[in-house]
Amino acid sequence: MNSWNIFGHDWAVDMLINHIAHQGLRHAYLLTGPAGVGRRALATRLAQALNCPTPVAPGVACGVCRTCKQVEAGQQADLMVIQAEAEGGILKVEQVREVQKFLSLRPYQSPFKVVIFLRFQEANASAQNALLKTLEEAPAYALLLLTADNAEQLLPTIVSRCEVMRLRPLTVAGVTEFLAAKGVPPEKAALLGHLSGGRPGYALRLSADEKALAFRADKLDDLRHLLGAKRRERFAYAEKLAKDKDAFRKMLFLWLAYWRDVMLCSSGAQAELTNSDRAEEIESLAYALGLAQARAQTRAMELALERMGKNVNLRLLAEVTLMDLPQVR
C-alpha cells in the first residue's frame, strides 16, 4: 500500500505526488483503464492531496480532516463530480456547461477547484467539444480529471490537452491480496482475484454481490447442461433468454470468459484461468473439443455480443448462439 492508500499503481501515485511537490501539476489529467481498476480512487486521492489543509507531507493528504472526508464522499464545496445519469448512458453538453459555471468562480475554501469526469467516453460529441473550450481556457485554480476506458474513445484534441495516465490491471495475486486486506475470506478472495480481470474495485464490489455470484454459477451450470441437451431444450432456453436483454448480455460475457478458458487449456498455454473454480471441468471440455472448436465458440460469443449492440432480433440471436453450441455428452 502506498502513501495514498491505493492498492497498486504506485508509479502513478509517485508521479502525481512529484507533480504537486515540485509545482509541476498539469491542468488536466486523463486516467484510463478498465472500469474498477482504480481510476476514480486515484482521482479522489489527487483531489484530497491538493486541497487537504493539514497534509502529512507534500502531496499526501491526512485523510481524516473534514475536507478529506467531504472529498471522499464527493460533496466538498470546491469539488464537482460529473457523470452520465446511468452507466452506459450519455454525458450531455448541459453538464459541461454547469462545469463552466462552477469554474467561473474562484474556490470557496480550498486552493483548487477540482472537477472529476467519470466515464468520459460516455460524453456525446457536443459535450466533448464544449469541454475542449474549457480545457483551453481553464483558470489557474482549476484541475480537470477525466476517467475513461481508453484514450481512443475521446476526441484527439481532448487527449492532447491532458496528461494521460494508463492504469494497468493488477495481477491475480495482487487483487487477492487486496481483497484479503479488506476482510474477504481467503477462498472467496482467491476466486474473485481470478474473476476480476485485475480490477480491485470491481472485485470488491463483486465480493458483496451474492446475487451476481449466484447468477454466474447458474449460467455456467446452464452452459454445461446445454452442451448435452437436445435441440428442443435449447430452443426453449433461447425463448427464455430473449425476454431479458440485460441478463442475456451478462450471460454472454460469462460464457465468453468460460470459452476463453477452454481455449487456453486446449492450446496448452500456461495461463491463469478466469474460472479457476471450474478448472477440472474446463480441462475435461478442452480435451473433448480441441482447440479449433474452443476457438470457434470463443469467437461466436464475441460476435453475439457485437450483434447485441445493434438492432438485432434477440430471439434469433439466442437461437443461433445455442444451436451452434457443440454436442458434448
C-alpha atoms as a PDB file:
ATOM      1  CA  MET A   1       0.000   0.000   0.000  1.00  0.00           C
ATOM      2  CA  ASN A   2       1.390   3.416  -0.977  1.00  0.00           C
ATOM      3  CA  SER A   3       1.106   6.769   0.827  1.00  0.00           C
ATOM      4  CA  TRP A   4      -2.263   7.462  -0.852  1.00  0.00           C
ATOM      5  CA  ASN A   5      -3.769   4.216   0.469  1.00  0.00           C
ATOM      6  CA  ILE A   6      -4.306   2.926  -3.063  1.00  0.00           C
ATOM      7  CA  PHE A   7      -3.558  -0.710  -3.777  1.00  0.00           C
ATOM      8  CA  GLY A   8      -1.301  -0.870  -6.831  1.00  0.00           C
ATOM      9  CA  HIS A   9      -0.491   1.923  -9.293  1.00  0.00           C
ATOM     10  CA  ASP A  10       2.467   3.066  -7.176  1.00  0.00           C
ATOM     11  CA  TRP A  11       4.080   4.663 -10.225  1.00  0.00           C
ATOM     12  CA  ALA A  12       1.012   6.870 -10.777  1.00  0.00           C
ATOM     13  CA  VAL A  13       0.864   7.927  -7.127  1.00  0.00           C
ATOM     14  CA  ASP A  14       4.586   8.746  -7.115  1.00  0.00           C
ATOM     15  CA  MET A  15       4.254  10.786 -10.315  1.00  0.00           C
ATOM     16  CA  LEU A  16       1.323  12.834  -9.015  1.00  0.00           C
ATOM     17  CA  ILE A  17       2.976  13.469  -5.640  1.00  0.00           C
ATOM     18  CA  ASN A  18       6.052  14.654  -7.524  1.00  0.00           C
ATOM     19  CA  HIS A  19       3.921  16.982  -9.661  1.00  0.00           C
ATOM     20  CA  ILE A  20       2.368  18.507  -6.530  1.00  0.00           C
ATOM     21  CA  ALA A  21       5.600  18.759  -4.550  1.00  0.00           C
ATOM     22  CA  HIS A  22       7.548  20.402  -7.372  1.00  0.00           C
ATOM     23  CA  GLN A  23       4.849  22.713  -8.754  1.00  0.00           C
ATOM     24  CA  GLY A  24       4.563  20.588 -11.860  1.00  0.00           C
ATOM     25  CA  LEU A  25       0.831  19.984 -11.685  1.00  0.00           C
ATOM     26  CA  ARG A  26      -0.888  19.742 -15.071  1.00  0.00           C
ATOM     27  CA  HIS A  27      -4.215  21.480 -15.584  1.00  0.00           C
ATOM     28  CA  ALA A  28      -5.863  18.247 -16.787  1.00  0.00           C
ATOM     29  CA  TYR A  29      -5.274  14.508 -16.401  1.00  0.00           C
ATOM     30  CA  LEU A  30      -6.873  11.625 -18.276  1.00  0.00           C
ATOM     31  CA  LEU A  31      -6.900   8.402 -16.245  1.00  0.00           C
ATOM     32  CA  THR A  32      -7.575   5.399 -18.452  1.00  0.00           C
ATOM     33  CA  GLY A  33      -8.051   1.709 -17.791  1.00  0.00           C
ATOM     34  CA  PRO A  34     -10.877  -0.805 -17.370  1.00  0.00           C
ATOM     35  CA  ALA A  35     -13.725   0.101 -15.016  1.00  0.00           C
ATOM     36  CA  GLY A  36     -12.910  -0.924 -11.450  1.00  0.00           C
ATOM     37  CA  VAL A  37      -9.138  -0.715 -11.906  1.00  0.00           C
ATOM     38  CA  GLY A  38      -8.832   2.320  -9.615  1.00  0.00           C
ATOM     39  CA  ARG A  39      -9.400   5.391 -11.809  1.00  0.00           C
ATOM     40  CA  ARG A  40     -11.894   7.094  -9.501  1.00  0.00           C
ATOM     41  CA  ALA A  41      -9.871   6.264  -6.388  1.00  0.00           C
ATOM     42  CA  LEU A  42      -6.769   7.867  -7.894  1.00  0.00           C
ATOM     43  CA  ALA A  43      -8.707  10.979  -8.935  1.00  0.00           C
ATOM     44  CA  THR A  44     -10.219  11.280  -5.454  1.00  0.00           C
ATOM     45  CA  ARG A  45      -6.830  10.966  -3.749  1.00  0.00           C
ATOM     46  CA  LEU A  46      -5.400  13.648  -6.021  1.00  0.00           C
ATOM     47  CA  ALA A  47      -8.256  15.996  -5.116  1.00  0.00           C
ATOM     48  CA  GLN A  48      -7.616  15.313  -1.422  1.00  0.00           C
ATOM     49  CA  ALA A  49      -3.870  15.848  -1.788  1.00  0.00           C
ATOM     50  CA  LEU A  50      -4.414  19.243  -3.415  1.00  0.00           C
ATOM     51  CA  ASN A  51      -6.985  20.639  -1.005  1.00  0.00           C
ATOM     52  CA  CYS A  52      -6.221  18.997   2.359  1.00  0.00           C
ATOM     53  CA  PRO A  53      -5.491  21.811   4.871  1.00  0.00           C
ATOM     54  CA  THR A  54      -3.300  19.553   7.044  1.00  0.00           C
ATOM     55  CA  PRO A  55      -1.205  17.349   4.715  1.00  0.00           C
ATOM     56  CA  VAL A  56       1.186  14.892   6.356  1.00  0.00           C
ATOM     57  CA  ALA A  57       3.757  15.542   3.614  1.00  0.00           C
ATOM     58  CA  PRO A  58       3.862  17.450   0.312  1.00  0.00           C
ATOM     59  CA  GLY A  59       1.271  15.806  -1.924  1.00  0.00           C
ATOM     60  CA  VAL A  60      -0.024  13.481   0.813  1.00  0.00           C
ATOM     61  CA  ALA A  61      -3.404  14.311   2.397  1.00  0.00           C
ATOM     62  CA  CYS A  62      -4.159  13.483   6.020  1.00  0.00           C
ATOM     63  CA  GLY A  63      -7.302  11.607   5.000  1.00  0.00           C
ATOM     64  CA  VAL A  64      -9.103  12.357   8.266  1.00  0.00           C
ATOM     65  CA  CYS A  65      -9.897  16.081   8.219  1.00  0.00           C
ATOM     66  CA  ARG A  66     -13.291  17.460   7.264  1.00  0.00           C
ATOM     67  CA  THR A  67     -12.134  18.411   3.756  1.00  0.00           C
ATOM     68  CA  CYS A  68     -10.675  14.962   3.053  1.00  0.00           C
ATOM     69  CA  LYS A  69     -13.851  13.246   4.223  1.00  0.00           C
ATOM     70  CA  GLN A  70     -16.030  15.559   2.130  1.00  0.00           C
ATOM     71  CA  VAL A  71     -13.899  14.897  -0.957  1.00  0.00           C
ATOM     72  CA  GLU A  72     -14.112  11.143  -0.318  1.00  0.00           C
ATOM     73  CA  ALA A  73     -17.897  11.488  -0.258  1.00  0.00           C
ATOM     74  CA  GLY A  74     -17.872  13.686  -3.383  1.00  0.00           C
ATOM     75  CA  GLN A  75     -19.544  16.534  -1.520  1.00  0.00           C
ATOM     76  CA  GLN A  76     -16.879  19.181  -0.944  1.00  0.00           C
ATOM     77  CA  ALA A  77     -17.667  22.773  -1.977  1.00  0.00           C
ATOM     78  CA  ASP A  78     -14.747  23.033  -4.411  1.00  0.00           C
ATOM     79  CA  LEU A  79     -15.239  19.588  -5.941  1.00  0.00           C
ATOM     80  CA  MET A  80     -17.643  18.661  -8.727  1.00  0.00           C
ATOM     81  CA  VAL A  81     -18.189  15.063  -9.897  1.00  0.00           C
ATOM     82  CA  ILE A  82     -19.796  14.707 -13.333  1.00  0.00           C
ATOM     83  CA  GLN A  83     -21.075  11.520 -14.956  1.00  0.00           C
ATOM     84  CA  ALA A  84     -23.875  10.191 -17.122  1.00  0.00           C
ATOM     85  CA  GLU A  85     -27.116   9.631 -15.224  1.00  0.00           C
ATOM     86  CA  ALA A  86     -26.644   5.871 -15.527  1.00  0.00           C
ATOM     87  CA  GLU A  87     -23.701   3.704 -16.544  1.00  0.00           C
ATOM     88  CA  GLY A  88     -23.877   3.258 -20.296  1.00  0.00           C
ATOM     89  CA  GLY A  89     -25.887   6.472 -20.612  1.00  0.00           C
ATOM     90  CA  ILE A  90     -24.868   9.792 -22.138  1.00  0.00           C
ATOM     91  CA  LEU A  91     -22.906  12.600 -20.509  1.00  0.00           C
ATOM     92  CA  LYS A  92     -24.516  15.704 -22.000  1.00  0.00           C
ATOM     93  CA  VAL A  93     -23.352  19.156 -23.046  1.00  0.00           C
ATOM     94  CA  GLU A  94     -25.575  20.752 -20.384  1.00  0.00           C
ATOM     95  CA  GLN A  95     -23.477  19.040 -17.717  1.00  0.00           C
ATOM     96  CA  VAL A  96     -20.287  20.510 -19.176  1.00  0.00           C
ATOM     97  CA  ARG A  97     -21.894  23.952 -19.154  1.00  0.00           C
ATOM     98  CA  GLU A  98     -22.594  23.526 -15.443  1.00  0.00           C
ATOM     99  CA  VAL A  99     -18.885  22.823 -15.008  1.00  0.00           C
ATOM    100  CA  GLN A 100     -18.048  26.035 -16.843  1.00  0.00           C
ATOM    101  CA  LYS A 101     -20.270  27.996 -14.438  1.00  0.00           C
ATOM    102  CA  PHE A 102     -18.670  26.209 -11.472  1.00  0.00           C
ATOM    103  CA  LEU A 103     -15.168  27.122 -12.655  1.00  0.00           C
ATOM    104  CA  SER A 104     -16.056  30.735 -13.406  1.00  0.00           C
ATOM    105  CA  LEU A 105     -15.996  31.474  -9.654  1.00  0.00           C
ATOM    106  CA  ARG A 106     -12.872  31.216  -7.532  1.00  0.00           C
ATOM    107  CA  PRO A 107     -12.574  28.441  -4.914  1.00  0.00           C
ATOM    108  CA  TYR A 108     -14.722  28.905  -1.820  1.00  0.00           C
ATOM    109  CA  GLN A 109     -12.453  27.342   0.803  1.00  0.00           C
ATOM    110  CA  SER A 110      -9.615  25.479  -0.930  1.00  0.00           C
ATOM    111  CA  PRO A 111      -6.606  26.247  -3.149  1.00  0.00           C
ATOM    112  CA  PHE A 112      -8.122  24.418  -6.141  1.00  0.00           C
ATOM    113  CA  LYS A 113     -11.450  23.750  -7.753  1.00  0.00           C
ATOM    114  CA  VAL A 114     -11.446  20.144  -8.942  1.00  0.00           C
ATOM    115  CA  VAL A 115     -13.801  18.583 -11.479  1.00  0.00           C
ATOM    116  CA  ILE A 116     -13.863  14.800 -11.887  1.00  0.00           C
ATOM    117  CA  PHE A 117     -15.498  13.485 -15.078  1.00  0.00           C
ATOM    118  CA  LEU A 118     -16.331   9.799 -14.626  1.00  0.00           C
ATOM    119  CA  ARG A 119     -16.538   7.509 -17.694  1.00  0.00           C
ATOM    120  CA  PHE A 120     -15.977  10.428 -20.050  1.00  0.00           C
ATOM    121  CA  GLN A 121     -16.182   8.027 -23.005  1.00  0.00           C
ATOM    122  CA  GLU A 122     -19.947   8.356 -22.455  1.00  0.00           C
ATOM    123  CA  ALA A 123     -19.865  12.064 -23.343  1.00  0.00           C
ATOM    124  CA  ASN A 124     -21.582  12.883 -26.639  1.00  0.00           C
ATOM    125  CA  ALA A 125     -19.846  14.925 -29.345  1.00  0.00           C
ATOM    126  CA  SER A 126     -21.364  18.215 -28.164  1.00  0.00           C
ATOM    127  CA  ALA A 127     -20.189  17.627 -24.602  1.00  0.00           C
ATOM    128  CA  GLN A 128     -16.671  16.733 -25.722  1.00  0.00           C
ATOM    129  CA  ASN A 129     -16.442  19.834 -27.906  1.00  0.00           C
ATOM    130  CA  ALA A 130     -17.702  22.007 -25.046  1.00  0.00           C
ATOM    131  CA  LEU A 131     -15.080  20.552 -22.717  1.00  0.00           C
ATOM    132  CA  LEU A 132     -12.385  21.336 -25.263  1.00  0.00           C
ATOM    133  CA  LYS A 133     -13.096  25.032 -24.779  1.00  0.00           C
ATOM    134  CA  THR A 134     -12.886  24.575 -21.003  1.00  0.00           C
ATOM    135  CA  LEU A 135      -9.544  22.787 -21.295  1.00  0.00           C
ATOM    136  CA  GLU A 136      -8.162  25.634 -23.370  1.00  0.00           C
ATOM    137  CA  GLU A 137      -9.426  28.417 -21.100  1.00  0.00           C
ATOM    138  CA  ALA A 138      -9.444  26.880 -17.608  1.00  0.00           C
ATOM    139  CA  PRO A 139      -8.289  29.246 -14.835  1.00  0.00           C
ATOM    140  CA  ALA A 140      -5.087  28.536 -12.902  1.00  0.00           C
ATOM    141  CA  TYR A 141      -7.042  27.344  -9.849  1.00  0.00           C
ATOM    142  CA  ALA A 142      -8.876  24.641 -11.846  1.00  0.00           C
ATOM    143  CA  LEU A 143      -7.950  20.981 -12.164  1.00  0.00           C
ATOM    144  CA  LEU A 144      -9.852  18.696 -14.545  1.00  0.00           C
ATOM    145  CA  LEU A 145      -9.674  14.931 -14.037  1.00  0.00           C
ATOM    146  CA  LEU A 146     -11.173  12.669 -16.705  1.00  0.00           C
ATOM    147  CA  THR A 147     -11.601   8.911 -16.469  1.00  0.00           C
ATOM    148  CA  ALA A 148     -12.251   6.680 -19.483  1.00  0.00           C
ATOM    149  CA  ASP A 149     -11.766   3.097 -20.597  1.00  0.00           C
ATOM    150  CA  ASN A 150      -9.170   4.199 -23.146  1.00  0.00           C
ATOM    151  CA  ALA A 151      -7.972   7.398 -24.783  1.00  0.00           C
ATOM    152  CA  GLU A 152      -9.049   6.283 -28.268  1.00  0.00           C
ATOM    153  CA  GLN A 153     -12.699   6.784 -27.273  1.00  0.00           C
ATOM    154  CA  LEU A 154     -12.204  10.548 -26.903  1.00  0.00           C
ATOM    155  CA  LEU A 155     -11.526  13.359 -29.346  1.00  0.00           C
ATOM    156  CA  PRO A 156      -7.785  13.516 -30.108  1.00  0.00           C
ATOM    157  CA  THR A 157      -7.864  17.245 -29.335  1.00  0.00           C
ATOM    158  CA  ILE A 158      -9.033  16.481 -25.782  1.00  0.00           C
ATOM    159  CA  VAL A 159      -6.436  13.767 -25.249  1.00  0.00           C
ATOM    160  CA  SER A 160      -3.639  16.038 -26.466  1.00  0.00           C
ATOM    161  CA  ARG A 161      -4.526  18.618 -23.800  1.00  0.00           C
ATOM    162  CA  CYS A 162      -4.358  16.128 -20.923  1.00  0.00           C
ATOM    163  CA  GLU A 163      -1.600  14.242 -19.175  1.00  0.00           C
ATOM    164  CA  VAL A 164      -2.598  10.656 -19.963  1.00  0.00           C
ATOM    165  CA  MET A 165      -2.038   8.045 -17.249  1.00  0.00           C
ATOM    166  CA  ARG A 166      -2.816   4.458 -18.251  1.00  0.00           C
ATOM    167  CA  LEU A 167      -3.709   2.289 -15.264  1.00  0.00           C
ATOM    168  CA  ARG A 168      -2.973  -1.392 -15.860  1.00  0.00           C
ATOM    169  CA  PRO A 169      -4.867  -4.303 -14.310  1.00  0.00           C
ATOM    170  CA  LEU A 170      -3.283  -5.872 -11.246  1.00  0.00           C
ATOM    171  CA  THR A 171      -2.119  -9.479 -11.088  1.00  0.00           C
ATOM    172  CA  VAL A 172      -4.410 -12.187  -9.744  1.00  0.00           C
ATOM    173  CA  ALA A 173      -2.212 -12.361  -6.646  1.00  0.00           C
ATOM    174  CA  GLY A 174      -2.398  -8.590  -6.247  1.00  0.00           C
ATOM    175  CA  VAL A 175      -6.201  -8.483  -6.327  1.00  0.00           C
ATOM    176  CA  THR A 176      -6.404 -11.486  -3.986  1.00  0.00           C
ATOM    177  CA  GLU A 177      -4.123  -9.740  -1.502  1.00  0.00           C
ATOM    178  CA  PHE A 178      -6.198  -6.556  -1.767  1.00  0.00           C
ATOM    179  CA  LEU A 179      -9.415  -8.454  -1.022  1.00  0.00           C
ATOM    180  CA  ALA A 180      -7.843 -10.314   1.894  1.00  0.00           C
ATOM    181  CA  ALA A 181      -6.813  -6.963   3.378  1.00  0.00           C
ATOM    182  CA  LYS A 182     -10.469  -5.900   3.114  1.00  0.00           C
ATOM    183  CA  GLY A 183     -11.573  -8.932   5.117  1.00  0.00           C
ATOM    184  CA  VAL A 184     -12.820 -11.155   2.281  1.00  0.00           C
ATOM    185  CA  PRO A 185     -12.425 -14.865   3.221  1.00  0.00           C
ATOM    186  CA  PRO A 186      -9.338 -16.478   1.591  1.00  0.00           C
ATOM    187  CA  GLU A 187     -11.141 -18.946  -0.705  1.00  0.00           C
ATOM    188  CA  LYS A 188     -13.571 -16.299  -1.942  1.00  0.00           C
ATOM    189  CA  ALA A 189     -10.745 -13.773  -2.361  1.00  0.00           C
ATOM    190  CA  ALA A 190      -8.780 -16.249  -4.480  1.00  0.00           C
ATOM    191  CA  LEU A 191     -11.753 -16.887  -6.790  1.00  0.00           C
ATOM    192  CA  LEU A 192     -12.572 -13.192  -7.138  1.00  0.00           C
ATOM    193  CA  GLY A 193      -8.919 -12.487  -7.858  1.00  0.00           C
ATOM    194  CA  HIS A 194      -9.302 -14.654 -10.956  1.00  0.00           C
ATOM    195  CA  LEU A 195     -12.738 -13.330 -11.921  1.00  0.00           C
ATOM    196  CA  SER A 196     -11.786  -9.667 -11.526  1.00  0.00           C
ATOM    197  CA  GLY A 197      -9.671  -9.227 -14.635  1.00  0.00           C
ATOM    198  CA  GLY A 198      -7.128  -7.415 -12.455  1.00  0.00           C
ATOM    199  CA  ARG A 199      -9.649  -4.786 -11.286  1.00  0.00           C
ATOM    200  CA  PRO A 200      -9.587  -4.444  -7.495  1.00  0.00           C
ATOM    201  CA  GLY A 201     -12.568  -2.093  -7.311  1.00  0.00           C
ATOM    202  CA  TYR A 202     -14.707  -4.449  -9.374  1.00  0.00           C
ATOM    203  CA  ALA A 203     -13.576  -7.414  -7.268  1.00  0.00           C
ATOM    204  CA  LEU A 204     -14.519  -5.645  -4.038  1.00  0.00           C
ATOM    205  CA  ARG A 205     -17.990  -4.784  -5.344  1.00  0.00           C
ATOM    206  CA  LEU A 206     -18.476  -8.352  -6.559  1.00  0.00           C
ATOM    207  CA  SER A 207     -17.453  -9.732  -3.153  1.00  0.00           C
ATOM    208  CA  ALA A 208     -20.573  -8.135  -1.663  1.00  0.00           C
ATOM    209  CA  ASP A 209     -22.883  -9.046  -4.554  1.00  0.00           C
ATOM    210  CA  GLU A 210     -24.099 -12.548  -3.778  1.00  0.00           C
ATOM    211  CA  LYS A 211     -26.833 -12.202  -6.388  1.00  0.00           C
ATOM    212  CA  ALA A 212     -24.254 -11.656  -9.157  1.00  0.00           C
ATOM    213  CA  LEU A 213     -22.169 -14.600  -7.956  1.00  0.00           C
ATOM    214  CA  ALA A 214     -25.250 -16.821  -7.902  1.00  0.00           C
ATOM    215  CA  PHE A 215     -26.180 -15.639 -11.418  1.00  0.00           C
ATOM    216  CA  ARG A 216     -22.700 -16.600 -12.621  1.00  0.00           C
ATOM    217  CA  ALA A 217     -22.923 -20.058 -11.076  1.00  0.00           C
ATOM    218  CA  ASP A 218     -26.373 -20.656 -12.562  1.00  0.00           C
ATOM    219  CA  LYS A 219     -25.419 -19.549 -16.083  1.00  0.00           C
ATOM    220  CA  LEU A 220     -22.236 -21.622 -16.168  1.00  0.00           C
ATOM    221  CA  ASP A 221     -24.189 -24.635 -14.919  1.00  0.00           C
ATOM    222  CA  ASP A 222     -26.722 -23.959 -17.682  1.00  0.00           C
ATOM    223  CA  LEU A 223     -23.968 -23.907 -20.302  1.00  0.00           C
ATOM    224  CA  ARG A 224     -22.588 -27.270 -19.219  1.00  0.00           C
ATOM    225  CA  HIS A 225     -26.104 -28.733 -19.271  1.00  0.00           C
ATOM    226  CA  LEU A 226     -26.936 -27.273 -22.692  1.00  0.00           C
ATOM    227  CA  LEU A 227     -23.846 -28.857 -24.233  1.00  0.00           C
ATOM    228  CA  GLY A 228     -25.552 -32.212 -23.710  1.00  0.00           C
ATOM    229  CA  ALA A 229     -29.108 -31.035 -24.386  1.00  0.00           C
ATOM    230  CA  LYS A 230     -31.269 -31.773 -27.412  1.00  0.00           C
ATOM    231  CA  ARG A 231     -32.482 -29.133 -29.866  1.00  0.00           C
ATOM    232  CA  ARG A 232     -35.935 -28.819 -28.286  1.00  0.00           C
ATOM    233  CA  GLU A 233     -34.438 -27.921 -24.902  1.00  0.00           C
ATOM    234  CA  ARG A 234     -32.047 -25.449 -26.492  1.00  0.00           C
ATOM    235  CA  PHE A 235     -34.908 -23.719 -28.322  1.00  0.00           C
ATOM    236  CA  ALA A 236     -36.849 -23.444 -25.058  1.00  0.00           C
ATOM    237  CA  TYR A 237     -33.838 -21.892 -23.343  1.00  0.00           C
ATOM    238  CA  ALA A 238     -33.397 -19.439 -26.241  1.00  0.00           C
ATOM    239  CA  GLU A 239     -37.017 -18.334 -25.872  1.00  0.00           C
ATOM    240  CA  LYS A 240     -36.411 -17.563 -22.193  1.00  0.00           C
ATOM    241  CA  LEU A 241     -33.157 -15.712 -22.930  1.00  0.00           C
ATOM    242  CA  ALA A 242     -34.757 -13.403 -25.481  1.00  0.00           C
ATOM    243  CA  LYS A 243     -37.134 -11.984 -22.854  1.00  0.00           C
ATOM    244  CA  ASP A 244     -34.389 -10.240 -20.855  1.00  0.00           C
ATOM    245  CA  LYS A 245     -31.741  -8.441 -22.911  1.00  0.00           C
ATOM    246  CA  ASP A 246     -29.645  -7.347 -19.937  1.00  0.00           C
ATOM    247  CA  ALA A 247     -29.477 -10.848 -18.466  1.00  0.00           C
ATOM    248  CA  PHE A 248     -28.723 -12.238 -21.939  1.00  0.00           C
ATOM    249  CA  ARG A 249     -25.784  -9.849 -22.326  1.00  0.00           C
ATOM    250  CA  LYS A 250     -24.396 -10.659 -18.889  1.00  0.00           C
ATOM    251  CA  MET A 251     -24.667 -14.360 -19.655  1.00  0.00           C
ATOM    252  CA  LEU A 252     -22.741 -13.926 -22.907  1.00  0.00           C
ATOM    253  CA  PHE A 253     -19.873 -12.228 -21.056  1.00  0.00           C
ATOM    254  CA  LEU A 254     -19.759 -15.142 -18.617  1.00  0.00           C
ATOM    255  CA  TRP A 255     -19.829 -17.701 -21.411  1.00  0.00           C
ATOM    256  CA  LEU A 256     -17.151 -15.792 -23.317  1.00  0.00           C
ATOM    257  CA  ALA A 257     -14.795 -15.939 -20.316  1.00  0.00           C
ATOM    258  CA  TYR A 258     -15.555 -19.643 -19.935  1.00  0.00           C
ATOM    259  CA  TRP A 259     -14.817 -20.463 -23.580  1.00  0.00           C
ATOM    260  CA  ARG A 260     -11.608 -18.438 -23.405  1.00  0.00           C
ATOM    261  CA  ASP A 261     -10.544 -20.653 -20.518  1.00  0.00           C
ATOM    262  CA  VAL A 262     -11.366 -23.754 -22.578  1.00  0.00           C
ATOM    263  CA  MET A 263      -9.350 -22.313 -25.470  1.00  0.00           C
ATOM    264  CA  LEU A 264      -6.371 -21.613 -23.203  1.00  0.00           C
ATOM    265  CA  CYS A 265      -6.437 -25.174 -21.891  1.00  0.00           C
ATOM    266  CA  SER A 266      -6.782 -26.577 -25.403  1.00  0.00           C
ATOM    267  CA  SER A 267      -3.761 -24.615 -26.572  1.00  0.00           C
ATOM    268  CA  GLY A 268      -1.615 -25.761 -23.664  1.00  0.00           C
ATOM    269  CA  ALA A 269      -0.966 -22.183 -22.575  1.00  0.00           C
ATOM    270  CA  GLN A 270       0.382 -21.806 -19.047  1.00  0.00           C
ATOM    271  CA  ALA A 271      -2.007 -19.040 -18.038  1.00  0.00           C
ATOM    272  CA  GLU A 272      -4.298 -18.303 -15.093  1.00  0.00           C
ATOM    273  CA  LEU A 273      -7.891 -19.388 -15.716  1.00  0.00           C
ATOM    274  CA  THR A 274     -10.608 -16.822 -15.100  1.00  0.00           C
ATOM    275  CA  ASN A 275     -12.992 -19.515 -13.857  1.00  0.00           C
ATOM    276  CA  SER A 276     -10.470 -21.138 -11.546  1.00  0.00           C
ATOM    277  CA  ASP A 277     -13.186 -22.866  -9.503  1.00  0.00           C
ATOM    278  CA  ARG A 278     -14.167 -24.859 -12.601  1.00  0.00           C
ATOM    279  CA  ALA A 279     -10.684 -25.864 -13.706  1.00  0.00           C
ATOM    280  CA  GLU A 280     -11.420 -29.604 -13.738  1.00  0.00           C
ATOM    281  CA  GLU A 281     -14.499 -29.376 -15.979  1.00  0.00           C
ATOM    282  CA  ILE A 282     -12.765 -26.843 -18.247  1.00  0.00           C
ATOM    283  CA  GLU A 283      -9.790 -29.159 -18.714  1.00  0.00           C
ATOM    284  CA  SER A 284     -12.147 -32.059 -19.482  1.00  0.00           C
ATOM    285  CA  LEU A 285     -14.046 -29.982 -22.031  1.00  0.00           C
ATOM    286  CA  ALA A 286     -10.820 -28.767 -23.626  1.00  0.00           C
ATOM    287  CA  TYR A 287      -9.700 -32.363 -24.075  1.00  0.00           C
ATOM    288  CA  ALA A 288     -13.063 -33.384 -25.575  1.00  0.00           C
ATOM    289  CA  LEU A 289     -13.384 -30.482 -28.031  1.00  0.00           C
ATOM    290  CA  GLY A 290      -9.880 -29.465 -29.035  1.00  0.00           C
ATOM    291  CA  LEU A 291      -8.506 -26.037 -29.895  1.00  0.00           C
ATOM    292  CA  ALA A 292     -10.439 -25.409 -33.134  1.00  0.00           C
ATOM    293  CA  GLN A 293     -13.879 -25.827 -31.552  1.00  0.00           C
ATOM    294  CA  ALA A 294     -12.899 -23.887 -28.432  1.00  0.00           C
ATOM    295  CA  ARG A 295     -11.661 -21.029 -30.592  1.00  0.00           C
ATOM    296  CA  ALA A 296     -14.851 -21.129 -32.694  1.00  0.00           C
ATOM    297  CA  GLN A 297     -17.054 -20.878 -29.594  1.00  0.00           C
ATOM    298  CA  THR A 298     -14.982 -18.009 -28.216  1.00  0.00           C
ATOM    299  CA  ARG A 299     -15.457 -16.133 -31.471  1.00  0.00           C
ATOM    300  CA  ALA A 300     -19.177 -16.981 -31.515  1.00  0.00           C
ATOM    301  CA  MET A 301     -19.638 -15.336 -28.098  1.00  0.00           C
ATOM    302  CA  GLU A 302     -17.714 -12.250 -29.250  1.00  0.00           C
ATOM    303  CA  LEU A 303     -19.898 -11.958 -32.356  1.00  0.00           C
ATOM    304  CA  ALA A 304     -23.082 -12.383 -30.326  1.00  0.00           C
ATOM    305  CA  LEU A 305     -22.038  -9.512 -28.054  1.00  0.00           C
ATOM    306  CA  GLU A 306     -21.207  -7.342 -31.066  1.00  0.00           C
ATOM    307  CA  ARG A 307     -24.608  -8.044 -32.629  1.00  0.00           C
ATOM    308  CA  MET A 308     -26.385  -7.306 -29.377  1.00  0.00           C
ATOM    309  CA  GLY A 309     -25.111  -3.745 -29.613  1.00  0.00           C
ATOM    310  CA  LYS A 310     -27.071  -3.345 -32.833  1.00  0.00           C
ATOM    311  CA  ASN A 311     -30.778  -3.543 -33.623  1.00  0.00           C
ATOM    312  CA  VAL A 312     -30.890  -7.323 -33.589  1.00  0.00           C
ATOM    313  CA  ASN A 313     -33.708  -9.847 -33.182  1.00  0.00           C
ATOM    314  CA  LEU A 314     -32.917 -11.228 -29.716  1.00  0.00           C
ATOM    315  CA  ARG A 315     -34.851 -14.465 -30.225  1.00  0.00           C
ATOM    316  CA  LEU A 316     -32.965 -15.211 -33.435  1.00  0.00           C
ATOM    317  CA  LEU A 317     -29.620 -14.308 -31.831  1.00  0.00           C
ATOM    318  CA  ALA A 318     -30.327 -16.582 -28.869  1.00  0.00           C
ATOM    319  CA  GLU A 319     -31.338 -19.464 -31.121  1.00  0.00           C
ATOM    320  CA  VAL A 320     -28.260 -19.150 -33.333  1.00  0.00           C
ATOM    321  CA  THR A 321     -25.965 -18.941 -30.288  1.00  0.00           C
ATOM    322  CA  LEU A 322     -27.460 -22.033 -28.682  1.00  0.00           C
ATOM    323  CA  MET A 323     -27.851 -24.144 -31.826  1.00  0.00           C
ATOM    324  CA  ASP A 324     -24.179 -23.551 -32.638  1.00  0.00           C
ATOM    325  CA  LEU A 325     -23.010 -24.950 -29.303  1.00  0.00           C
ATOM    326  CA  PRO A 326     -21.178 -28.265 -29.736  1.00  0.00           C
ATOM    327  CA  GLN A 327     -22.718 -31.505 -28.517  1.00  0.00           C
ATOM    328  CA  VAL A 328     -20.778 -32.898 -25.556  1.00  0.00           C
ATOM    329  CA  ARG A 329     -22.131 -35.807 -23.554  1.00  0.00           C
END
